[in-house]
Amino acid sequence: MITLAEQIAEAQRELALRRQCSPQGIKRGQLEAGEAYDQLQAMEAIVRTLQRLEVEQRQLSLFAVRT
């Protein structure tokens, strides 16, 4: 199983890679600027969602009933 922390790290890595490579793809004509922008926005949303889930998970674990 891939942990939530590992998923966040991978999504952050992918976002950084896209930020680095997108301008080159646009210059080469392999990617439209609007499409690149939309993809970056989507990846940023994925990272934020995963981070929010991680925070919620930690908060829930504080209130977990131990038996």
C-alpha atoms as a PDB file:
ATOM      1  CA  MET A   1       0.000   0.000   0.000  1.00  0.00           C
ATOM      2  CA  ILE A   2       1.244   3.474  -0.838  1.00  0.00           C
ATOM      3  CA  THR A   3       0.895   5.782   2.130  1.00  0.00           C
ATOM      4  CA  LEU A   4      -0.731   9.192   1.956  1.00  0.00           C
ATOM      5  CA  ALA A   5       2.626  10.841   2.661  1.00  0.00           C
ATOM      6  CA  GLU A   6       4.171   8.964  -0.273  1.00  0.00           C
ATOM      7  CA  GLN A   7       1.298  10.005  -2.527  1.00  0.00           C
ATOM      8  CA  ILE A   8       1.787  13.642  -1.528  1.00  0.00           C
ATOM      9  CA  ALA A   9       5.510  13.450  -2.207  1.00  0.00           C
ATOM     10  CA  GLU A  10       4.912  11.941  -5.639  1.00  0.00           C
ATOM     11  CA  ALA A  11       2.264  14.528  -6.534  1.00  0.00           C
ATOM     12  CA  GLN A  12       4.604  17.325  -5.442  1.00  0.00           C
ATOM     13  CA  ARG A  13       7.409  15.825  -7.531  1.00  0.00           C
ATOM     14  CA  GLU A  14       5.138  15.614 -10.559  1.00  0.00           C
ATOM     15  CA  LEU A  15       3.995  19.203 -10.068  1.00  0.00           C
ATOM     16  CA  ALA A  16       7.589  20.433  -9.907  1.00  0.00           C
ATOM     17  CA  LEU A  17       8.450  18.454 -13.031  1.00  0.00           C
ATOM     18  CA  ARG A  18       5.494  19.898 -14.932  1.00  0.00           C
ATOM     19  CA  ARG A  19       6.408  23.421 -13.849  1.00  0.00           C
ATOM     20  CA  GLN A  20       9.901  22.848 -15.181  1.00  0.00           C
ATOM     21  CA  CYS A  21       8.983  21.090 -18.434  1.00  0.00           C
ATOM     22  CA  SER A  22       5.798  22.861 -19.496  1.00  0.00           C
ATOM     23  CA  PRO A  23       7.484  26.041 -20.807  1.00  0.00           C
ATOM     24  CA  GLN A  24       9.788  23.937 -22.988  1.00  0.00           C
ATOM     25  CA  GLY A  25       6.860  21.931 -24.336  1.00  0.00           C
ATOM     26  CA  ILE A  26       5.013  25.132 -25.163  1.00  0.00           C
ATOM     27  CA  LYS A  27       8.052  26.556 -26.989  1.00  0.00           C
ATOM     28  CA  ARG A  28       8.414  23.359 -29.026  1.00  0.00           C
ATOM     29  CA  GLY A  29       4.733  23.407 -29.939  1.00  0.00           C
ATOM     30  CA  GLN A  30       4.091  20.105 -28.157  1.00  0.00           C
ATOM     31  CA  LEU A  31       1.760  21.694 -25.620  1.00  0.00           C
ATOM     32  CA  GLU A  32      -0.653  24.588 -25.758  1.00  0.00           C
ATOM     33  CA  ALA A  33      -0.252  27.252 -23.078  1.00  0.00           C
ATOM     34  CA  GLY A  34      -3.881  26.944 -21.972  1.00  0.00           C
ATOM     35  CA  GLU A  35      -3.623  23.186 -21.689  1.00  0.00           C
ATOM     36  CA  ALA A  36      -0.398  23.465 -19.684  1.00  0.00           C
ATOM     37  CA  TYR A  37      -2.039  25.982 -17.355  1.00  0.00           C
ATOM     38  CA  ASP A  38      -5.059  23.721 -16.830  1.00  0.00           C
ATOM     39  CA  GLN A  39      -2.826  20.727 -16.122  1.00  0.00           C
ATOM     40  CA  LEU A  40      -0.803  22.690 -13.570  1.00  0.00           C
ATOM     41  CA  GLN A  41      -3.967  23.916 -11.882  1.00  0.00           C
ATOM     42  CA  ALA A  42      -5.266  20.347 -11.676  1.00  0.00           C
ATOM     43  CA  MET A  43      -2.010  19.022 -10.227  1.00  0.00           C
ATOM     44  CA  GLU A  44      -1.912  21.840  -7.670  1.00  0.00           C
ATOM     45  CA  ALA A  45      -5.477  20.932  -6.655  1.00  0.00           C
ATOM     46  CA  ILE A  46      -4.470  17.277  -6.280  1.00  0.00           C
ATOM     47  CA  VAL A  47      -1.574  18.231  -3.997  1.00  0.00           C
ATOM     48  CA  ARG A  48      -3.812  20.486  -1.882  1.00  0.00           C
ATOM     49  CA  THR A  49      -6.480  17.786  -1.597  1.00  0.00           C
ATOM     50  CA  LEU A  50      -3.976  15.157  -0.501  1.00  0.00           C
ATOM     51  CA  GLN A  51      -2.437  17.552   2.017  1.00  0.00           C
ATOM     52  CA  ARG A  52      -5.882  18.379   3.410  1.00  0.00           C
ATOM     53  CA  LEU A  53      -6.671  14.679   3.723  1.00  0.00           C
ATOM     54  CA  GLU A  54      -3.413  14.154   5.599  1.00  0.00           C
ATOM     55  CA  VAL A  55      -4.289  16.916   8.083  1.00  0.00           C
ATOM     56  CA  GLU A  56      -7.797  15.515   8.556  1.00  0.00           C
ATOM     57  CA  GLN A  57      -6.384  12.039   9.064  1.00  0.00           C
ATOM     58  CA  ARG A  58      -4.016  13.312  11.762  1.00  0.00           C
ATOM     59  CA  GLN A  59      -6.840  15.178  13.487  1.00  0.00           C
ATOM     60  CA  LEU A  60      -9.049  12.104  13.465  1.00  0.00           C
ATOM     61  CA  SER A  61      -6.274   9.995  14.935  1.00  0.00           C
ATOM     62  CA  LEU A  62      -6.106  12.377  17.900  1.00  0.00           C
ATOM     63  CA  PHE A  63      -9.692  11.532  18.750  1.00  0.00           C
ATOM     64  CA  ALA A  64      -9.608   7.846  17.928  1.00  0.00           C
ATOM     65  CA  VAL A  65     -11.050   5.615  20.599  1.00  0.00           C
ATOM     66  CA  ARG A  66      -8.453   3.208  21.901  1.00  0.00           C
ATOM     67  CA  THR A  67      -9.758  -0.149  23.062  1.00  0.00           C
END
